[in-house]
Amino acid sequence: MANYRVEVKSGRKGTCVEHSRYDGRIGDKWEDRDDLIGLEFGNFPEWSQDKPLLFWKHADKHERKNAAAYREWIISLPNELDHEQNMWLGRRIAMLVAGPRPWQMAFHGPEGKLSGNPNPHIHVMTSDRAPDGIPRPPQQYFCRYNARHPERGGCKKLSGGMTHQQVSQELVATREGIADLTNEALAEAGLEVRVDHRSLQDQGIDRTPGFHLGPARVKSMTGGKRQEHAANKDGEN
């Protein structure tokens, strides 16, 4: 079975631009990272259509305090596919995850620091504020939504008003959709391996699930611990 990992995070106001730069390996700070394969984006409002950093800059400045300024999906891609195939798959996954939301996708292709195996994955940053066809300047775009007079308020957050159960159901459905797209890509490439979005327990597999090791944790591990984990696929971001 091919590797499958989906992780969802959120970021607060003031962190958008720096995280966008990190994902896109933009600027001198990330010049030592040579693992960027591709960077794409879509659904941004008119004032930032071709300038995602401008959008994130205004999100940092104008988004509501203590609100999630962005959400990020970190999704593994199959080792069995080449970069071109994975770029095509990553684009489809990004559009599925984002829906009508503004999105930025960075495709990274590093080697795992423990196993030495390729570790292709994408980072998909999204804003919950999806353009609704009403033109708004940047400052207004991130204001509170006005249900009675939408043109007077900010852009509505798609996550607004959802219950915990609804959020959970949406996450499960999206995870399943990612697996379906991945399996379609594997089948189209003539490969027999597949992924499964379900937990090992739900699949009836009696095995302890693996866990993600970030770059900082790998760097701090002793040689013995590295060897212990080397047999498993690792996933540095």
Foldseek 3Di string as FASTA:
>chain_A
DFDKDKDKDFDFQPCQLVVVCVLQVNDPVSVVAPFWDDKDWAQDDPVQGPPVSVLSVLLNVAADHPDGSKMKMKIWAGLVDDPVLVVVLQVVLLCLVAVQWIKMKTWGWDQDPLQRRTTIIIIIITGQQGDDPADDPSNQQNFDADPVDRNRHHGDGPCPPDDPVRVVVVVLVSLQVSQVSNQVSCVVVVHDDGDDSDDCVVVVHPDDDDDEDEPVRLVPDDPVVSNVCNVDDYHYD
